[in-house]
Every structure is written in C-alpha cells, then in structure tokens.
Protein backbone atom coordinates (compact mmCIF):
# COMPACT_ATOMS: atom_id res chain seq x y z
CA MET A 1 21.65 -11.51 6.22
CA ALA A 2 18.99 -9.77 8.24
CA ASN A 3 15.65 -11.59 8.69
CA LEU A 4 13.27 -9.10 7.21
CA LEU A 5 9.40 -8.90 8.00
CA PHE A 6 6.85 -8.47 5.30
CA HIS A 7 4.97 -5.20 5.08
CA PRO A 8 1.20 -5.46 5.83
CA ALA A 9 0.45 -3.97 2.33
CA ALA A 10 2.41 -6.85 0.75
CA ASP A 11 0.54 -9.36 2.80
CA ALA A 12 -2.73 -8.11 1.30
CA PHE A 13 -1.84 -10.33 -1.56
CA PRO A 14 -1.38 -14.08 -1.29
CA MET A 15 2.03 -15.90 -1.69
CA MET A 16 2.70 -18.15 -4.71
CA ASP A 17 2.06 -21.85 -4.33
CA ALA A 18 4.80 -24.48 -3.70
CA ASN A 19 5.23 -25.53 -7.22
CA ARG A 20 5.70 -21.99 -8.44
CA PHE A 21 8.01 -21.15 -5.62
CA ALA A 22 10.12 -24.04 -6.43
CA GLU A 23 10.47 -22.88 -10.15
CA LEU A 24 11.33 -19.36 -8.83
CA VAL A 25 14.18 -20.72 -6.49
CA GLU A 26 15.50 -22.77 -9.47
CA ASP A 27 15.42 -19.65 -11.79
CA ILE A 28 17.27 -17.58 -9.12
CA LYS A 29 19.66 -20.34 -8.68
CA THR A 30 20.56 -20.50 -12.30
CA HIS A 31 20.15 -16.81 -13.47
CA GLY A 32 20.50 -14.82 -10.12
CA GLN A 33 18.12 -12.27 -8.76
CA ARG A 34 17.07 -10.23 -11.78
CA GLU A 35 14.53 -7.91 -10.08
CA LEU A 36 15.06 -5.83 -6.93
CA ILE A 37 13.26 -6.53 -3.81
CA VAL A 38 11.32 -3.32 -2.70
CA LEU A 39 11.51 -2.38 0.99
CA CYS A 40 9.42 0.13 3.00
CA ASP A 41 10.06 0.94 6.57
CA GLY A 42 12.47 -1.76 6.80
CA MET A 43 10.06 -4.55 5.62
CA VAL A 44 9.56 -6.21 2.32
CA LEU A 45 6.90 -4.44 0.43
CA ASP A 46 7.35 -6.12 -3.02
CA GLY A 47 9.38 -9.44 -3.68
CA ARG A 48 8.41 -11.55 -0.80
CA ASN A 49 8.83 -14.78 -2.76
CA ARG A 50 12.11 -13.44 -4.23
CA TYR A 51 13.23 -12.81 -0.68
CA ARG A 52 12.36 -16.20 0.44
CA ALA A 53 14.13 -17.79 -2.52
CA CYS A 54 17.21 -15.70 -1.80
CA VAL A 55 17.13 -16.75 1.81
CA GLU A 56 16.76 -20.58 0.77
CA LEU A 57 19.63 -20.17 -1.62
CA GLY A 58 21.80 -18.21 0.83
CA ILE A 59 22.12 -15.20 -1.57
CA ASN A 60 22.20 -11.67 -0.22
CA PRO A 61 19.03 -10.18 -1.56
CA GLN A 62 19.35 -6.96 -3.71
CA THR A 63 16.94 -4.29 -2.57
CA ARG A 64 15.70 -0.79 -3.12
CA THR A 65 13.63 1.50 -0.83
CA SER A 66 10.16 3.01 -1.57
CA SER A 67 9.08 6.04 0.68
CA GLY A 68 5.58 6.82 -0.89
CA ASP A 69 2.27 5.32 0.12
CA PRO A 70 2.94 1.44 0.52
CA TRP A 71 -0.81 0.55 0.13
CA ALA A 72 -1.12 2.35 -3.25
CA PHE A 73 2.26 0.94 -4.30
CA ALA A 74 1.14 -2.53 -3.53
CA TRP A 75 -2.17 -2.20 -5.37
CA SER A 76 -0.46 -0.59 -8.36
CA LEU A 77 1.83 -3.49 -8.84
CA ASN A 78 -0.43 -6.44 -8.00
CA GLY A 79 -4.01 -5.14 -8.54
CA GLN A 80 -4.03 -6.25 -12.20
CA ARG A 81 -2.98 -9.86 -11.54
CA ARG A 82 -4.86 -12.34 -13.78
CA ASP A 83 -4.89 -14.98 -10.97
CA LEU A 84 -7.11 -12.93 -8.71
CA VAL A 85 -10.80 -13.77 -8.85
CA GLY A 86 -13.33 -10.83 -8.85
CA GLU A 87 -14.41 -10.97 -5.13
CA GLN A 88 -10.79 -11.48 -4.07
CA ARG A 89 -9.51 -8.53 -6.33
CA TYR A 90 -12.15 -6.32 -4.84
CA LEU A 91 -11.59 -7.13 -1.17
CA ILE A 92 -7.88 -6.68 -1.59
CA TRP A 93 -8.56 -3.34 -3.26
CA LYS A 94 -10.88 -2.38 -0.41
CA PHE A 95 -8.37 -3.26 2.18
CA CYS A 96 -5.49 -1.39 0.51
CA SER A 97 -7.71 1.57 -0.29
CA GLU A 98 -8.94 1.99 3.20
CA HIS A 99 -5.39 1.73 4.64
CA SER A 100 -4.14 4.08 1.98
CA GLU A 101 -6.69 6.75 3.20
CA SER A 102 -5.46 6.30 6.78
CA TRP A 103 -1.81 6.62 5.56
CA LEU A 104 -2.42 9.73 3.65
CA ALA A 105 -4.54 11.27 6.48
CA GLU A 106 -1.63 10.60 8.93
CA LYS A 107 0.94 12.11 6.62
CA GLN A 108 -1.38 15.18 6.21
CA ARG A 109 -1.76 15.39 9.94
CA ILE A 110 2.11 15.50 10.17
CA VAL A 111 2.43 18.18 7.69
CA ASP A 112 -0.41 20.27 9.40
CA GLU A 113 1.28 19.93 12.71
CA ALA A 114 4.68 20.99 11.26
CA ASN A 115 3.08 23.99 9.73
CA ARG A 116 1.26 24.91 12.91
CA LYS A 117 4.65 24.75 14.93
CA ARG A 118 6.23 27.06 12.24
CA SER A 119 3.47 29.46 12.53
CA GLU A 120 3.66 29.66 16.29
CA ALA A 121 7.48 30.03 16.20
CA THR A 122 7.05 32.80 13.72
CA LYS A 123 4.61 34.68 15.99
CA GLU A 124 7.02 34.34 18.92
CA GLN A 125 9.91 35.97 16.92
CA PRO A 126 10.93 39.63 17.91
CA ARG A 127 9.86 42.17 15.34
CA ASN A 128 12.28 44.19 13.48
CA GLY A 129 12.52 48.02 13.74
CA ASP A 130 10.01 48.46 10.85
CA GLY A 131 7.58 46.08 12.53
CA THR A 132 8.38 43.12 10.24
CA MET A 133 9.35 39.68 11.48
CA GLY A 134 11.83 38.81 8.75
CA ALA A 135 11.37 36.23 6.07
CA LYS A 136 8.12 34.62 5.86
CA PRO A 137 8.54 30.75 6.58
CA VAL A 138 7.95 28.39 3.58
CA GLU A 139 4.88 26.29 4.28
CA LEU A 140 5.35 22.55 3.93
CA GLN A 141 3.36 21.08 0.86
CA SER A 142 0.35 18.97 1.47
CA VAL A 143 0.50 15.14 0.83
CA ALA A 144 -0.32 14.46 -2.79
CA ALA A 145 -3.14 12.24 -3.55
CA PRO A 146 -2.27 8.85 -5.08
CA VAL A 147 -2.16 8.37 -8.81
CA ARG A 148 -5.30 7.32 -10.37
CA GLY A 149 -5.67 3.53 -10.45
CA GLN A 150 -3.53 3.04 -7.25
CA SER A 151 -5.95 3.90 -4.48
CA VAL A 152 -8.66 6.44 -3.59
CA PRO A 153 -7.96 9.56 -1.34
CA ALA A 154 -10.12 9.87 1.82
CA PRO A 155 -13.42 11.64 1.07
CA ALA A 156 -14.65 14.61 3.07
CA ASP A 157 -16.71 13.60 6.16
CA ASN A 158 -19.86 14.66 4.49
CA ALA A 159 -19.12 13.26 1.00
CA PRO A 160 -20.93 10.12 -0.24
CA ARG A 161 -18.94 7.06 -0.43
CA PRO A 162 -18.18 5.71 -3.81
CA GLY A 163 -21.02 3.54 -5.30
CA LYS A 164 -20.82 0.06 -6.76
CA GLU A 165 -19.89 1.17 -10.26
CA ALA A 166 -17.05 3.43 -8.96
CA LYS A 167 -15.76 0.73 -6.69
CA ALA A 168 -15.82 -1.80 -9.54
CA THR A 169 -14.00 0.47 -11.89
CA ALA A 170 -11.38 1.37 -9.19
CA SER A 171 -10.82 -2.37 -8.44
CA ASN A 172 -10.97 -3.62 -12.00
CA THR A 173 -13.89 -5.96 -11.18
CA ASN A 174 -17.71 -5.61 -11.73
CA SER A 175 -20.65 -4.62 -9.81
CA GLY A 176 -21.44 -8.20 -8.95
CA ALA A 177 -18.11 -8.83 -7.38
CA VAL A 178 -18.45 -5.66 -5.43
CA ALA A 179 -21.90 -6.59 -4.00
CA ARG A 180 -20.63 -10.13 -3.11
CA GLY A 181 -17.46 -8.69 -1.37
CA ASP A 182 -19.43 -6.04 0.55
CA ALA A 183 -21.73 -8.79 1.72
CA LEU A 184 -19.00 -10.98 2.82
CA ALA A 185 -17.30 -8.03 4.59
CA LYS A 186 -20.57 -7.26 6.38
CA ASN A 187 -21.85 -10.78 7.28
CA ARG A 188 -18.38 -12.62 7.72
CA PRO A 189 -15.71 -10.01 8.40
CA ASP A 190 -13.57 -12.92 9.60
CA LEU A 191 -13.51 -14.41 6.07
CA ALA A 192 -13.24 -11.06 4.29
CA VAL A 193 -9.83 -10.51 5.97
CA THR A 194 -7.34 -10.68 3.07
CA GLY A 195 -5.88 -14.16 2.99
CA ALA A 196 -8.17 -15.76 5.59
CA PRO A 197 -8.19 -19.50 5.11
CA GLY A 198 -11.23 -20.67 3.24
CA ALA A 199 -12.44 -17.20 2.25
CA ILE A 200 -11.59 -17.10 -1.51
CA PRO A 201 -9.11 -19.22 -3.51
CA LEU A 202 -5.84 -17.41 -3.40
CA ALA A 203 -2.71 -17.26 -5.71
CA GLY A 204 0.41 -15.27 -5.59
CA ARG A 205 2.95 -13.05 -7.36
CA ARG A 206 6.73 -13.26 -7.27
C-alpha cells in the first residue's frame, strides 16, 4: 500500500482529535470503509482520517480521483462544518480562496498559451490555392469559474477587493469574524496560518 501525502488544500482543515479517530478506526474495522477517499495529483484531498484509519488497520483504501479546483473542492466539502469557530472558518476560507484564485489563474495561463501556440501554428501553415489555410482550429475553452459558495474567482487588477460583508457571506461567518481574522492575518501572520499551534481551537472532519 503506497504511502500517500496529504494535499495542501486538505491540510487547510484540521484533523480530528484522538478520541474521534479511535471511534473511526473501530467503525471501519467493524463496517469497512463506506466512503471513498478523494485523491488529487496523487495526494489525499478528502478523507485523511479515513486513510490513516485504513493504514492502521492494514486495509487497502478505496479511492477516487478529482481533477477540478482542489481548493474549491476542499472548501465546498468542509466549509460548513459546525466545529469551526468564526475566525477559524474565515481564515480557512481566505486561505482556500486565495489559492483557488492562483490555481484558476494558472489553468487559464495554460489554456491561453495553448491557444497562442495553435494560432502561431495556423499562421505557419501553407495556404490552399484559393488562399485559405484549411479548417479553422478549435479554440480551447477558458477555465470555468468555481461554483458559488466554493471559492471566489480572481478579480481584475483594478477591481475592488470584496468588503467585509461579502467576505462574511462567502465564508459563512459574520463581519466581526472577518475583522478579527484580517487583523490576525495582518498583525500575526504566523498564527493566521491554517492549523498553526495556538492560533485558534481546531477540530476535524473524517
């Protein structure tokens, strides 16, 4: 059984505590693995605790693969957890959202570069007798923006950043949690890193 790493998007959320993990191990031992572990780029994107339990029990974990935005995926599955306090939920949303923007921008860059190469290749093709160059190449589609509630697309360079109310809505928190989270990120970025010891009480999902 391969030793899988955890995806950074999964690690944006804390692991479950020892007692809950012991219960999970016992449940899988009795009933088997009932929910698939999700992989992305060969890493565990969802189901870190299930994976750990399978390893402990010597069970070959059952998996499936996700190829979309891992940051939006992780937030979509875990962002509504009841065991996340307001500031913690906001900081996790902020972390996932910023990385989602970068992920989408890189995917769009790849699409644009592929289209540019297609265009250059077309220009270099010899023309037919009637002056045409054959069939027009099909352009690659742009990367789709994430579904509402998962993450936020990168704004234009001159567009204003979301305000407190917009951030609160997107992160399912309130303006107070946003203000406190932003203050922590500004004044103590070392503690604002998701999962940093002593930053905010953390819990975990299976």
